Amino acid sequence: MRLKGERLRLSRTGKHSNPWRMLVYIIIIAGGVLILRLEQIGEVQPFFLPTPGPTRGAGSYAEEAEVHFFAGDLQAAIDAYQAATVMEPGNAELFTKLARLQTYSSSLLTTLEDRRARLAEARDTIDHAVEIRSDSATVHAIRALVYDWSATAEVKDTLVVGDVVRVQATLDDTGVMVARIIESEDTIEPGSSEGMVEEGTTFIFSGMVEEKDQDEWTVGGRTIVVTPLTLIRNPNRRDEFLTEAENAANRASTLDPGNILAQAFKAEVQTDQGEFALALDNAQQAAEAMESIGGQYEYAMDVHRVYATVLENHAYYLQAINEYQKAVEISPNLTFLYLQIGANYRELQDIETALYYFDKAVKINEQLGVLDPTPYLAIGRTYQWEGEFFISAINIERALKIDHGNPDIYGRLGIVYFMARNYESAIDILKCAVRGCSVEENRERFCKFVYRVDDPECDEAQEKINEAVPGLELGPKSVEYYYTYGSVLAAFYGHPDYPGICIEAEEIFTELMTQYSNDALVVAIVEQGRAICEGPVISPEVTPEPTPTLSESP
């Protein structure tokens, strides 16, 4: 390389670099580094990501719930409110409205167990709302509603898993602990247990019911056998719930002396406490106060419904219907209102109008696609009272088609068969209500009594049934099923197709006498059944008079 001492040229033109251009380059580079850093720490999003869609808020779900409620779809409304509470777990108003709908929806559940479970959910919901807003009169007013309805479902309770009980038991020859008495224990806290005390041949201990079936319970870690001779003294939480309801209504009135809803629900509580005169005064004053303010009161339906309930309990059926009608004008798709109107017309012996309103409830459910057996049961009961057993059975069978694992519906259908003198069918159906049925037995009866054996849809219907029917525990809601089942079993004494049937009948009679020995009707039925089973067999071919197979009626 030759070095001539000439200046080295780095550009073709020989022009100097523009300092402003260099400054722009530096800014661009620095900006890129900054954006990259912000992206790494999540402060900015990369380019070309999909545009995010709008996220639903609690208000959106609440509005959806109100739409469903107005349409009469209570379960959909409950689901929407539950979604709203997830979005805003500190919003007491959402929990309060959810508890209100959970309470009202309990009226559409057909078994006492299901109603109690739903009301327990409502109590948890409203108690949480109180924790959030203990100074809200509306929250306490709705709490009065929840606990009052809970009380009405506790006319006589049954012991369930989670209850604390006191057990008196003995040991049999094999060392198995057999319960003599199980009763509620209110003196110790749930989850705790006491040591076992031995008094002669009797062992006494307390604990929480951990598992429970028809023959064995687990109490405080101990397994005990329950027999038909076990005396179960059921706890009665009715008074406890009524006290909570009364306190809630009073608290709401203290927070807001002019609270119309609190006054209305207090009237409903007083009705269930037997204070009818006070209830009527409060219900009427609440209705008048609501009308005096004019405009749209948010809970107007509730006030009219309560006033109607109080009037109904006074046997003022026409006035009650009038108030229920006002409630319907506000909420035209709530089926439980139509069912109450129909029930009042039934009390007035206006059967045609009663059936009209029950049918209105059916049509609303059909429009919504809601599968609710309650209106069919109301129709069935009405025809049963009229002695129209065929049509009654058809409607109860429709209810069973909707809720085919429900032992209470089996029991109602069995009673209708018995009253229709269709005794063989009554045995099959009442057995499911009292003792329960396996999946196969459920399928067999469903096909036989709901679709009829020759129906081409029978096989398809059976495939949908994958649940057994649990037998109902003996109690005030099932005692009729028990003594009717025992009676019809005894009636087949001596029939060649039913060997040993009186052994099963005697098991039923023993259970009845254990709990209902002071009930004159039950005692008379048991004595009659036992007399049949202990008497001579007149003829092995004699059976109760059968009734032709029930068929569809117009």
Protein backbone atom coordinates (compact mmCIF):
# COMPACT_ATOMS: atom_id res chain seq x y z
CA MET A 1 0.00 0.00 0.00
CA ARG A 2 1.37 3.36 -0.91
CA LEU A 3 0.99 6.13 1.59
CA LYS A 4 1.08 9.47 -0.06
CA GLY A 5 0.07 11.54 2.92
CA GLU A 6 -3.42 12.24 1.53
CA ARG A 7 -6.49 12.54 3.84
CA LEU A 8 -8.60 9.39 3.97
CA ARG A 9 -12.08 9.92 2.53
CA LEU A 10 -15.01 7.93 4.03
CA SER A 11 -17.71 9.12 1.70
CA ARG A 12 -18.02 9.43 -2.00
CA THR A 13 -19.22 12.95 -1.83
CA GLY A 14 -16.92 14.05 0.84
CA LYS A 15 -19.81 15.78 2.71
CA HIS A 16 -19.88 15.96 6.52
CA SER A 17 -22.57 13.98 8.55
CA ASN A 18 -25.74 15.91 9.52
CA PRO A 19 -25.82 16.15 13.36
CA TRP A 20 -29.66 16.50 13.44
CA ARG A 21 -30.03 13.28 11.53
CA MET A 22 -27.77 11.55 14.02
CA LEU A 23 -29.91 12.89 16.86
CA VAL A 24 -33.06 11.40 15.27
CA TYR A 25 -31.36 8.02 14.95
CA ILE A 26 -30.33 8.10 18.58
CA ILE A 27 -33.91 8.93 19.68
CA ILE A 28 -35.38 6.09 17.58
CA ILE A 29 -32.90 3.59 19.01
CA ALA A 30 -33.50 4.75 22.58
CA GLY A 31 -37.27 4.62 22.06
CA GLY A 32 -37.07 1.07 20.73
CA VAL A 33 -35.04 -0.04 23.74
CA LEU A 34 -37.56 1.61 26.07
CA ILE A 35 -40.58 -0.05 24.39
CA LEU A 36 -38.83 -3.42 24.50
CA ARG A 37 -38.21 -2.98 28.21
CA LEU A 38 -41.82 -1.94 28.90
CA GLU A 39 -43.07 -4.97 26.98
CA GLN A 40 -40.88 -7.27 29.05
CA ILE A 41 -42.34 -5.96 32.33
CA GLY A 42 -45.91 -6.06 30.98
CA GLU A 43 -46.53 -2.34 30.77
CA VAL A 44 -47.30 -2.46 27.02
CA GLN A 45 -48.69 -5.16 24.76
CA PRO A 46 -47.04 -6.43 21.59
CA PHE A 47 -48.33 -5.14 18.25
CA PHE A 48 -50.86 -7.11 16.19
CA LEU A 49 -52.53 -8.83 19.18
CA PRO A 50 -56.28 -9.46 18.72
CA THR A 51 -58.44 -6.60 19.94
CA PRO A 52 -59.77 -7.56 23.39
CA GLY A 53 -63.56 -7.91 23.68
CA PRO A 54 -65.61 -6.32 26.44
CA THR A 55 -65.62 -8.19 29.79
CA ARG A 56 -69.04 -8.65 31.42
CA GLY A 57 -69.40 -6.92 34.73
CA ALA A 58 -71.57 -7.68 37.73
CA GLY A 59 -74.13 -5.13 36.56
CA SER A 60 -74.58 -7.01 33.30
CA TYR A 61 -75.25 -10.28 35.13
CA ALA A 62 -77.63 -8.53 37.53
CA GLU A 63 -79.62 -7.12 34.61
CA GLU A 64 -79.76 -10.58 33.06
CA ALA A 65 -81.03 -11.98 36.37
CA GLU A 66 -83.85 -9.44 36.48
CA VAL A 67 -84.85 -10.34 32.92
CA HIS A 68 -84.99 -14.03 33.83
CA PHE A 69 -86.94 -13.25 36.99
CA PHE A 70 -89.52 -11.25 35.07
CA ALA A 71 -89.76 -14.10 32.55
CA GLY A 72 -90.39 -16.53 35.40
CA ASP A 73 -87.21 -18.57 35.02
CA LEU A 74 -86.04 -18.49 38.63
CA GLN A 75 -83.16 -20.93 38.20
CA ALA A 76 -81.67 -18.92 35.34
CA ALA A 77 -82.06 -15.77 37.44
CA ILE A 78 -80.29 -17.45 40.35
CA ASP A 79 -77.44 -18.54 38.10
CA ALA A 80 -77.00 -14.99 36.79
CA TYR A 81 -76.98 -13.48 40.28
CA GLN A 82 -74.43 -16.04 41.40
CA ALA A 83 -72.20 -15.01 38.50
CA ALA A 84 -72.65 -11.38 39.52
CA THR A 85 -71.59 -12.10 43.11
CA VAL A 86 -68.40 -13.72 41.82
CA MET A 87 -67.60 -10.51 39.93
CA GLU A 88 -68.37 -8.31 42.95
CA PRO A 89 -68.04 -10.37 46.15
CA GLY A 90 -68.42 -7.27 48.29
CA ASN A 91 -71.77 -6.17 46.85
CA ALA A 92 -74.39 -6.81 49.54
CA GLU A 93 -77.29 -5.91 47.23
CA LEU A 94 -76.41 -8.76 44.84
CA PHE A 95 -76.31 -11.31 47.65
CA THR A 96 -79.58 -9.97 49.06
CA LYS A 97 -81.42 -10.33 45.77
CA LEU A 98 -79.91 -13.76 45.23
CA ALA A 99 -81.17 -14.91 48.65
CA ARG A 100 -84.67 -13.60 47.83
CA LEU A 101 -84.84 -15.65 44.63
CA GLN A 102 -83.39 -18.74 46.28
CA THR A 103 -86.15 -18.48 48.86
CA TYR A 104 -88.95 -18.08 46.33
CA SER A 105 -87.59 -20.89 44.16
CA SER A 106 -87.89 -23.29 47.10
CA SER A 107 -91.67 -23.25 46.63
CA LEU A 108 -91.24 -25.05 43.30
CA LEU A 109 -89.26 -27.96 44.75
CA THR A 110 -91.36 -31.03 45.41
CA THR A 111 -89.59 -32.71 48.32
CA LEU A 112 -89.08 -31.35 51.81
CA GLU A 113 -85.41 -32.31 51.64
CA ASP A 114 -84.86 -30.29 48.45
CA ARG A 115 -86.70 -27.29 49.85
CA ARG A 116 -84.62 -27.36 53.02
CA ALA A 117 -81.41 -27.61 51.02
CA ARG A 118 -82.37 -24.60 48.89
CA LEU A 119 -83.39 -22.59 51.95
CA ALA A 120 -80.10 -23.46 53.62
CA GLU A 121 -78.37 -21.93 50.60
CA ALA A 122 -80.55 -18.84 50.97
CA ARG A 123 -79.63 -18.52 54.65
CA ASP A 124 -75.93 -18.71 53.85
CA THR A 125 -76.37 -16.09 51.14
CA ILE A 126 -78.32 -13.59 53.23
CA ASP A 127 -76.08 -14.02 56.26
CA HIS A 128 -73.13 -13.15 54.03
CA ALA A 129 -74.99 -10.06 52.87
CA VAL A 130 -75.45 -9.04 56.52
CA GLU A 131 -71.71 -9.43 57.08
CA ILE A 132 -71.11 -7.00 54.22
CA ARG A 133 -73.84 -4.46 55.08
CA SER A 134 -75.10 -4.88 58.62
CA ASP A 135 -76.59 -1.37 58.49
CA SER A 136 -78.92 -2.04 55.54
CA ALA A 137 -82.63 -2.22 56.35
CA THR A 138 -83.36 -4.03 53.07
CA VAL A 139 -80.79 -6.73 53.82
CA HIS A 140 -82.39 -7.42 57.21
CA ALA A 141 -85.90 -7.33 55.69
CA ILE A 142 -84.97 -10.01 53.16
CA ARG A 143 -83.32 -11.96 55.97
CA ALA A 144 -86.71 -12.01 57.69
CA LEU A 145 -88.21 -13.54 54.53
CA VAL A 146 -85.48 -16.17 54.26
CA TYR A 147 -85.70 -17.31 57.87
CA ASP A 148 -89.50 -17.25 57.93
CA TRP A 149 -89.71 -19.54 54.92
CA SER A 150 -87.02 -21.72 56.48
CA ALA A 151 -89.26 -22.05 59.54
CA THR A 152 -92.22 -23.22 57.47
CA ALA A 153 -90.08 -26.03 56.09
CA GLU A 154 -89.25 -27.16 59.62
CA VAL A 155 -92.66 -28.21 60.90
CA LYS A 156 -90.86 -31.29 62.09
CA ASP A 157 -87.28 -31.78 61.09
CA THR A 158 -85.32 -34.93 60.37
CA LEU A 159 -81.78 -35.40 61.54
CA VAL A 160 -79.30 -34.90 58.72
CA VAL A 161 -75.55 -35.09 58.21
CA GLY A 162 -73.95 -32.22 60.10
CA ASP A 163 -76.44 -32.24 63.00
CA VAL A 164 -75.14 -32.83 66.52
CA VAL A 165 -76.99 -35.65 68.25
CA ARG A 166 -77.08 -37.54 71.53
CA VAL A 167 -77.16 -41.32 71.21
CA GLN A 168 -78.30 -43.99 73.64
CA ALA A 169 -77.25 -47.42 72.39
CA THR A 170 -76.71 -51.01 73.48
CA LEU A 171 -74.37 -53.74 72.25
CA ASP A 172 -75.89 -56.82 70.66
CA ASP A 173 -74.45 -60.34 70.94
CA THR A 174 -71.98 -59.67 68.15
CA GLY A 175 -70.68 -56.46 69.69
CA VAL A 176 -72.53 -54.19 67.26
CA MET A 177 -73.79 -50.92 68.73
CA VAL A 178 -77.56 -50.65 68.22
CA ALA A 179 -79.20 -47.27 68.75
CA ARG A 180 -82.15 -47.10 71.11
CA ILE A 181 -82.63 -43.32 71.07
CA ILE A 182 -81.15 -40.63 68.81
CA GLU A 183 -82.07 -37.05 69.62
CA SER A 184 -80.81 -33.60 68.80
CA GLU A 185 -78.16 -32.19 71.10
CA ASP A 186 -78.18 -28.40 71.31
CA THR A 187 -75.75 -28.06 74.19
CA ILE A 188 -72.52 -28.80 72.33
CA GLU A 189 -70.97 -27.20 69.29
CA PRO A 190 -71.00 -28.88 65.84
CA GLY A 191 -67.76 -30.72 65.19
CA SER A 192 -67.17 -31.56 68.83
CA SER A 193 -67.99 -34.78 70.61
CA GLU A 194 -68.26 -36.12 74.12
CA GLY A 195 -66.76 -39.25 75.54
CA MET A 196 -68.96 -42.30 75.84
CA VAL A 197 -70.60 -42.90 79.22
CA GLU A 198 -71.70 -46.37 80.28
CA GLU A 199 -74.84 -46.66 82.37
CA GLY A 200 -75.58 -50.30 82.99
CA THR A 201 -76.10 -51.89 79.59
CA THR A 202 -76.63 -48.52 77.87
CA PHE A 203 -73.90 -46.43 76.25
CA ILE A 204 -74.47 -42.68 75.93
CA PHE A 205 -72.45 -40.29 73.79
CA SER A 206 -72.83 -37.17 71.66
CA GLY A 207 -71.31 -36.19 68.34
CA MET A 208 -71.94 -34.95 64.85
CA VAL A 209 -73.73 -37.08 62.27
CA GLU A 210 -71.00 -37.78 59.69
CA GLU A 211 -72.72 -40.38 57.52
CA LYS A 212 -76.26 -41.60 57.37
CA ASP A 213 -78.22 -44.26 55.55
CA GLN A 214 -81.30 -46.27 56.32
CA ASP A 215 -79.57 -48.89 58.49
CA GLU A 216 -76.34 -47.34 59.76
CA TRP A 217 -75.23 -43.92 60.97
CA THR A 218 -71.77 -42.68 61.78
CA VAL A 219 -71.87 -40.35 64.78
CA GLY A 220 -68.68 -38.85 66.17
CA GLY A 221 -66.60 -41.55 64.51
CA ARG A 222 -68.74 -44.37 65.90
CA THR A 223 -70.93 -46.61 63.73
CA ILE A 224 -74.38 -47.34 65.10
CA VAL A 225 -77.10 -49.56 63.70
CA VAL A 226 -80.57 -48.02 63.34
CA THR A 227 -83.57 -50.35 63.45
CA PRO A 228 -87.34 -49.77 63.14
CA LEU A 229 -87.39 -49.74 66.97
CA THR A 230 -84.93 -46.88 67.21
CA LEU A 231 -86.66 -43.79 68.58
CA ILE A 232 -85.48 -40.75 66.64
CA ARG A 233 -86.45 -37.55 68.36
CA ASN A 234 -86.31 -35.05 65.57
CA PRO A 235 -85.02 -31.56 66.25
CA ASN A 236 -87.44 -28.79 65.48
CA ARG A 237 -85.73 -25.63 64.28
CA ARG A 238 -88.99 -23.89 63.49
CA ASP A 239 -88.98 -21.70 66.61
CA GLU A 240 -85.29 -20.91 66.18
CA PHE A 241 -85.82 -19.74 62.60
CA LEU A 242 -88.95 -17.76 63.48
CA THR A 243 -87.02 -15.96 66.19
CA GLU A 244 -84.29 -15.08 63.71
CA ALA A 245 -86.92 -13.87 61.24
CA GLU A 246 -88.63 -11.71 63.85
CA ASN A 247 -85.32 -10.22 64.98
CA ALA A 248 -84.37 -9.45 61.39
CA ALA A 249 -87.67 -7.68 60.70
CA ASN A 250 -87.34 -5.66 63.91
CA ARG A 251 -83.75 -4.73 63.06
CA ALA A 252 -84.83 -3.55 59.60
CA SER A 253 -87.57 -1.39 61.15
CA THR A 254 -85.08 0.07 63.62
CA LEU A 255 -82.69 1.01 60.85
CA ASP A 256 -85.50 2.43 58.73
CA PRO A 257 -88.77 2.96 60.65
CA GLY A 258 -90.71 3.51 57.45
CA ASN A 259 -89.39 0.44 55.63
CA ILE A 260 -92.41 -1.06 53.87
CA LEU A 261 -90.74 -4.36 53.06
CA ALA A 262 -89.76 -4.92 56.69
CA GLN A 263 -93.34 -4.33 57.82
CA ALA A 264 -94.69 -6.72 55.18
CA PHE A 265 -92.29 -9.54 56.05
CA LYS A 266 -92.92 -8.99 59.75
CA ALA A 267 -96.59 -9.67 59.00
CA GLU A 268 -95.64 -12.94 57.34
CA VAL A 269 -93.59 -13.91 60.40
CA GLN A 270 -96.50 -13.06 62.69
CA THR A 271 -98.77 -15.25 60.61
CA ASP A 272 -96.49 -18.22 61.16
CA GLN A 273 -96.30 -17.36 64.86
CA GLY A 274 -100.09 -17.48 65.10
CA GLU A 275 -100.46 -13.76 65.75
CA PHE A 276 -103.11 -13.35 63.07
CA ALA A 277 -104.61 -10.01 64.14
CA LEU A 278 -101.20 -8.30 64.27
CA ALA A 279 -100.25 -9.90 60.97
CA LEU A 280 -103.36 -8.61 59.25
CA ASP A 281 -102.79 -5.07 60.56
CA ASN A 282 -99.15 -4.98 59.46
CA ALA A 283 -99.81 -6.51 56.05
CA GLN A 284 -102.63 -4.07 55.35
CA GLN A 285 -100.57 -1.07 56.52
CA ALA A 286 -97.65 -2.14 54.33
CA ALA A 287 -99.92 -2.42 51.29
CA GLU A 288 -101.50 0.97 51.98
CA ALA A 289 -98.12 2.62 52.53
CA MET A 290 -96.89 1.22 49.23
CA GLU A 291 -99.91 2.52 47.34
CA SER A 292 -99.60 5.95 48.97
CA ILE A 293 -96.09 6.56 47.65
CA GLY A 294 -97.21 5.89 44.07
CA GLY A 295 -94.86 5.01 41.25
CA GLN A 296 -92.97 1.78 40.93
CA TYR A 297 -91.94 0.28 44.26
CA GLU A 298 -89.17 -2.27 43.68
CA TYR A 299 -90.67 -4.86 46.00
CA ALA A 300 -94.35 -4.25 45.23
CA MET A 301 -94.87 -7.89 44.24
CA ASP A 302 -93.56 -9.04 47.61
CA VAL A 303 -95.89 -6.73 49.54
CA HIS A 304 -98.98 -7.89 47.62
CA ARG A 305 -97.91 -11.53 47.97
CA VAL A 306 -97.50 -11.21 51.73
CA TYR A 307 -100.86 -9.48 52.12
CA ALA A 308 -102.44 -12.27 50.08
CA THR A 309 -100.75 -14.90 52.25
CA VAL A 310 -102.05 -13.30 55.44
CA LEU A 311 -105.58 -13.05 54.01
CA GLU A 312 -105.41 -16.66 52.88
CA ASN A 313 -104.46 -17.76 56.40
CA HIS A 314 -107.55 -15.94 57.66
CA ALA A 315 -109.63 -17.89 55.10
CA TYR A 316 -110.39 -14.66 53.22
CA TYR A 317 -109.88 -16.46 49.94
CA LEU A 318 -111.51 -13.94 47.57
CA GLN A 319 -109.53 -11.06 49.07
CA ALA A 320 -106.39 -13.16 48.91
CA ILE A 321 -106.99 -13.88 45.23
CA ASN A 322 -107.35 -10.16 44.61
CA GLU A 323 -103.94 -9.45 46.18
CA TYR A 324 -102.32 -12.35 44.34
CA GLN A 325 -103.74 -10.92 41.12
CA LYS A 326 -102.06 -7.59 41.88
CA ALA A 327 -98.80 -9.43 42.38
CA VAL A 328 -99.30 -11.19 39.04
CA GLU A 329 -99.83 -7.86 37.28
CA ILE A 330 -96.33 -6.88 38.44
CA SER A 331 -94.66 -10.24 37.86
CA PRO A 332 -96.84 -12.02 35.27
CA ASN A 333 -94.65 -15.08 34.80
CA LEU A 334 -94.04 -16.34 38.34
CA THR A 335 -95.69 -19.73 38.39
CA PHE A 336 -95.85 -19.99 42.18
CA LEU A 337 -98.27 -17.04 42.20
CA TYR A 338 -100.62 -18.83 39.78
CA LEU A 339 -100.40 -21.96 41.91
CA GLN A 340 -101.48 -19.97 44.97
CA ILE A 341 -104.37 -18.39 43.08
CA GLY A 342 -105.48 -21.84 41.95
CA ALA A 343 -105.23 -23.19 45.50
CA ASN A 344 -107.49 -20.40 46.77
CA TYR A 345 -110.06 -21.07 44.07
CA ARG A 346 -109.90 -24.73 45.04
CA GLU A 347 -110.72 -23.76 48.63
CA LEU A 348 -113.74 -21.90 47.24
CA GLN A 349 -114.74 -25.11 45.42
CA ASP A 350 -114.36 -23.33 42.08
CA ILE A 351 -112.52 -26.26 40.54
CA GLU A 352 -112.73 -25.11 36.93
CA THR A 353 -111.08 -21.77 37.70
CA ALA A 354 -108.49 -23.47 39.92
CA LEU A 355 -107.51 -25.77 37.09
CA TYR A 356 -107.33 -22.80 34.72
CA TYR A 357 -104.66 -21.15 36.87
CA PHE A 358 -102.73 -24.38 37.37
CA ASP A 359 -102.75 -24.80 33.60
CA LYS A 360 -101.44 -21.23 33.25
CA ALA A 361 -98.41 -22.29 35.27
CA VAL A 362 -97.93 -25.30 32.99
CA LYS A 363 -98.03 -23.12 29.87
CA ILE A 364 -95.52 -20.62 31.28
CA ASN A 365 -93.10 -23.43 32.02
CA GLU A 366 -93.58 -24.86 28.53
CA GLN A 367 -92.82 -21.46 26.97
CA LEU A 368 -89.66 -21.14 29.04
CA GLY A 369 -88.62 -24.73 28.56
CA VAL A 370 -88.66 -25.18 32.35
CA LEU A 371 -89.22 -28.75 33.53
CA ASP A 372 -91.23 -28.26 36.71
CA PRO A 373 -93.50 -31.02 38.05
CA THR A 374 -95.26 -28.75 40.57
CA PRO A 375 -98.19 -27.58 38.38
CA TYR A 376 -98.95 -31.16 37.32
CA LEU A 377 -98.99 -32.20 40.97
CA ALA A 378 -101.41 -29.37 41.75
CA ILE A 379 -103.68 -30.49 38.91
CA GLY A 380 -103.42 -34.09 40.04
CA ARG A 381 -104.33 -33.22 43.61
CA THR A 382 -107.34 -31.19 42.45
CA TYR A 383 -108.73 -34.07 40.39
CA GLN A 384 -108.01 -36.41 43.30
CA TRP A 385 -110.16 -34.27 45.60
CA GLU A 386 -112.90 -34.44 42.97
CA GLY A 387 -112.68 -38.24 42.84
CA GLU A 388 -111.40 -38.15 39.25
CA PHE A 389 -108.62 -40.63 39.94
CA PHE A 390 -107.85 -41.51 36.33
CA ILE A 391 -107.13 -37.92 35.31
CA SER A 392 -105.37 -37.32 38.61
CA ALA A 393 -103.01 -40.22 37.98
CA ILE A 394 -102.28 -39.05 34.43
CA ASN A 395 -101.09 -35.68 35.70
CA ILE A 396 -98.99 -37.13 38.51
CA GLU A 397 -97.43 -39.51 36.00
CA ARG A 398 -96.47 -36.45 33.94
CA ALA A 399 -94.82 -35.03 37.03
CA LEU A 400 -92.95 -38.31 37.51
CA LYS A 401 -91.81 -38.13 33.90
CA ILE A 402 -90.11 -34.81 34.73
CA ASP A 403 -88.66 -35.89 38.09
CA HIS A 404 -88.41 -39.66 37.86
CA GLY A 405 -86.20 -40.12 40.92
CA ASN A 406 -88.51 -38.33 43.33
CA PRO A 407 -89.94 -40.61 46.05
CA ASP A 408 -92.58 -38.05 47.04
CA ILE A 409 -94.12 -38.14 43.56
CA TYR A 410 -94.11 -41.93 43.72
CA GLY A 411 -95.95 -41.63 47.02
CA ARG A 412 -98.59 -39.28 45.63
CA LEU A 413 -99.16 -41.54 42.66
CA GLY A 414 -99.44 -44.56 44.93
CA ILE A 415 -102.13 -42.86 47.01
CA VAL A 416 -104.16 -42.14 43.87
CA TYR A 417 -103.85 -45.76 42.71
CA PHE A 418 -104.96 -46.90 46.16
CA MET A 419 -107.97 -44.57 46.13
CA ALA A 420 -108.79 -45.82 42.64
CA ARG A 421 -108.74 -49.38 44.10
CA ASN A 422 -105.86 -50.29 41.82
CA TYR A 423 -104.09 -52.06 44.67
CA GLU A 424 -101.48 -54.06 42.79
CA SER A 425 -100.19 -50.91 41.12
CA ALA A 426 -100.29 -49.14 44.49
CA ILE A 427 -97.96 -51.75 45.99
CA ASP A 428 -95.38 -51.29 43.25
CA ILE A 429 -95.48 -47.51 43.43
CA LEU A 430 -95.66 -47.07 47.22
CA LYS A 431 -92.75 -49.44 47.66
CA CYS A 432 -90.52 -46.95 45.84
CA ALA A 433 -91.78 -44.12 48.04
CA VAL A 434 -91.34 -45.94 51.36
CA ARG A 435 -88.48 -48.38 50.84
CA GLY A 436 -86.89 -46.97 47.71
CA CYS A 437 -86.20 -48.63 44.36
CA SER A 438 -83.05 -49.62 42.54
CA VAL A 439 -82.19 -48.20 39.13
CA GLU A 440 -83.65 -51.27 37.43
CA GLU A 441 -86.83 -51.13 39.51
CA ASN A 442 -87.16 -47.44 38.76
CA ARG A 443 -86.81 -48.09 35.04
CA GLU A 444 -89.35 -50.89 35.17
CA ARG A 445 -91.97 -48.83 36.98
CA PHE A 446 -91.32 -45.74 34.90
CA CYS A 447 -91.90 -47.68 31.71
CA LYS A 448 -94.93 -49.50 33.09
CA PHE A 449 -96.78 -46.60 34.66
CA VAL A 450 -95.63 -43.51 32.77
CA TYR A 451 -95.29 -44.77 29.21
CA ARG A 452 -97.09 -48.10 29.43
CA VAL A 453 -95.25 -51.21 28.36
CA ASP A 454 -96.48 -51.17 24.75
CA ASP A 455 -95.37 -47.56 24.15
CA PRO A 456 -92.59 -47.43 21.52
CA GLU A 457 -90.87 -44.71 23.58
CA CYS A 458 -90.59 -47.03 26.56
CA ASP A 459 -87.10 -48.35 25.80
CA GLU A 460 -85.76 -44.90 24.98
CA ALA A 461 -87.22 -43.53 28.20
CA GLN A 462 -85.60 -46.26 30.27
CA GLU A 463 -82.16 -45.36 28.95
CA LYS A 464 -82.48 -41.88 30.48
CA ILE A 465 -82.94 -43.24 34.00
CA ASN A 466 -79.68 -43.83 35.81
CA GLU A 467 -80.68 -43.16 39.37
CA ALA A 468 -82.25 -45.11 42.19
CA VAL A 469 -85.20 -43.80 44.18
CA PRO A 470 -84.32 -43.17 47.83
CA GLY A 471 -86.97 -44.24 50.30
CA LEU A 472 -88.56 -41.50 52.39
CA GLU A 473 -87.91 -41.47 56.10
CA LEU A 474 -91.01 -41.75 58.23
CA GLY A 475 -92.23 -38.27 59.11
CA PRO A 476 -95.21 -35.95 58.80
CA LYS A 477 -94.83 -35.64 55.03
CA SER A 478 -94.55 -39.38 54.44
CA VAL A 479 -96.68 -40.97 57.16
CA GLU A 480 -99.65 -41.29 54.78
CA TYR A 481 -97.51 -43.22 52.33
CA TYR A 482 -96.36 -45.56 55.13
CA TYR A 483 -99.76 -46.46 56.55
CA THR A 484 -101.31 -46.78 53.08
CA TYR A 485 -98.46 -49.09 52.01
CA GLY A 486 -98.90 -51.17 55.16
CA SER A 487 -102.64 -51.40 54.59
CA VAL A 488 -102.37 -52.50 50.99
CA LEU A 489 -99.72 -55.09 51.90
CA ALA A 490 -102.00 -56.55 54.56
CA ALA A 491 -104.88 -56.60 52.07
CA PHE A 492 -102.97 -59.15 49.97
CA TYR A 493 -102.55 -61.56 52.89
CA GLY A 494 -103.00 -65.08 51.60
CA HIS A 495 -102.53 -64.22 47.93
CA PRO A 496 -100.32 -66.88 46.28
CA ASP A 497 -98.29 -64.25 44.42
CA TYR A 498 -97.36 -62.47 47.66
CA PRO A 499 -96.01 -65.04 50.14
CA GLY A 500 -94.88 -63.60 53.45
CA ILE A 501 -96.33 -60.21 52.66
CA CYS A 502 -97.52 -59.70 56.22
CA ILE A 503 -93.92 -59.84 57.44
CA GLU A 504 -93.18 -56.73 55.42
CA ALA A 505 -96.47 -55.17 56.53
CA GLU A 506 -95.57 -55.76 60.19
CA GLU A 507 -92.23 -53.96 59.68
CA ILE A 508 -94.16 -50.94 58.47
CA PHE A 509 -96.65 -51.15 61.34
CA THR A 510 -93.82 -51.37 63.89
CA GLU A 511 -92.19 -48.23 62.53
CA LEU A 512 -95.51 -46.41 62.59
CA MET A 513 -96.25 -47.36 66.18
CA THR A 514 -92.75 -46.30 67.26
CA GLN A 515 -93.34 -42.72 66.20
CA TYR A 516 -97.13 -42.34 65.93
CA SER A 517 -98.53 -44.35 68.84
CA ASN A 518 -100.41 -41.23 69.97
CA ASP A 519 -102.07 -40.66 66.60
CA ALA A 520 -105.55 -42.18 66.68
CA LEU A 521 -105.82 -42.52 62.90
CA VAL A 522 -102.47 -44.29 62.57
CA VAL A 523 -103.24 -46.59 65.50
CA ALA A 524 -106.60 -47.57 64.00
CA ILE A 525 -105.05 -48.34 60.61
CA VAL A 526 -102.29 -50.40 62.18
CA GLU A 527 -104.73 -52.36 64.31
CA GLN A 528 -106.90 -53.10 61.30
CA GLY A 529 -103.91 -54.24 59.24
CA ARG A 530 -102.60 -56.45 62.01
CA ALA A 531 -106.05 -57.98 62.50
CA ILE A 532 -106.12 -58.95 58.81
CA CYS A 533 -102.68 -60.53 58.97
CA GLU A 534 -103.46 -62.39 62.19
CA GLY A 535 -106.83 -63.66 60.98
CA PRO A 536 -107.68 -66.73 58.92
CA VAL A 537 -107.13 -66.84 55.20
CA ILE A 538 -110.62 -66.90 53.74
CA SER A 539 -109.48 -67.81 50.25
CA PRO A 540 -106.00 -67.66 48.74
CA GLU A 541 -107.57 -66.44 45.52
CA VAL A 542 -109.36 -63.46 47.05
CA THR A 543 -107.72 -60.16 46.15
CA PRO A 544 -108.82 -56.57 46.47
CA GLU A 545 -111.01 -55.42 43.65
CA PRO A 546 -108.78 -54.30 40.77
CA THR A 547 -109.28 -51.24 38.65
CA PRO A 548 -108.78 -51.17 34.87
CA THR A 549 -105.49 -49.76 33.64
CA LEU A 550 -105.50 -46.00 33.73
CA SER A 551 -105.73 -44.42 30.32
CA GLU A 552 -105.42 -40.94 28.89
CA SER A 553 -108.48 -38.76 29.37
CA PRO A 554 -109.32 -35.59 27.51
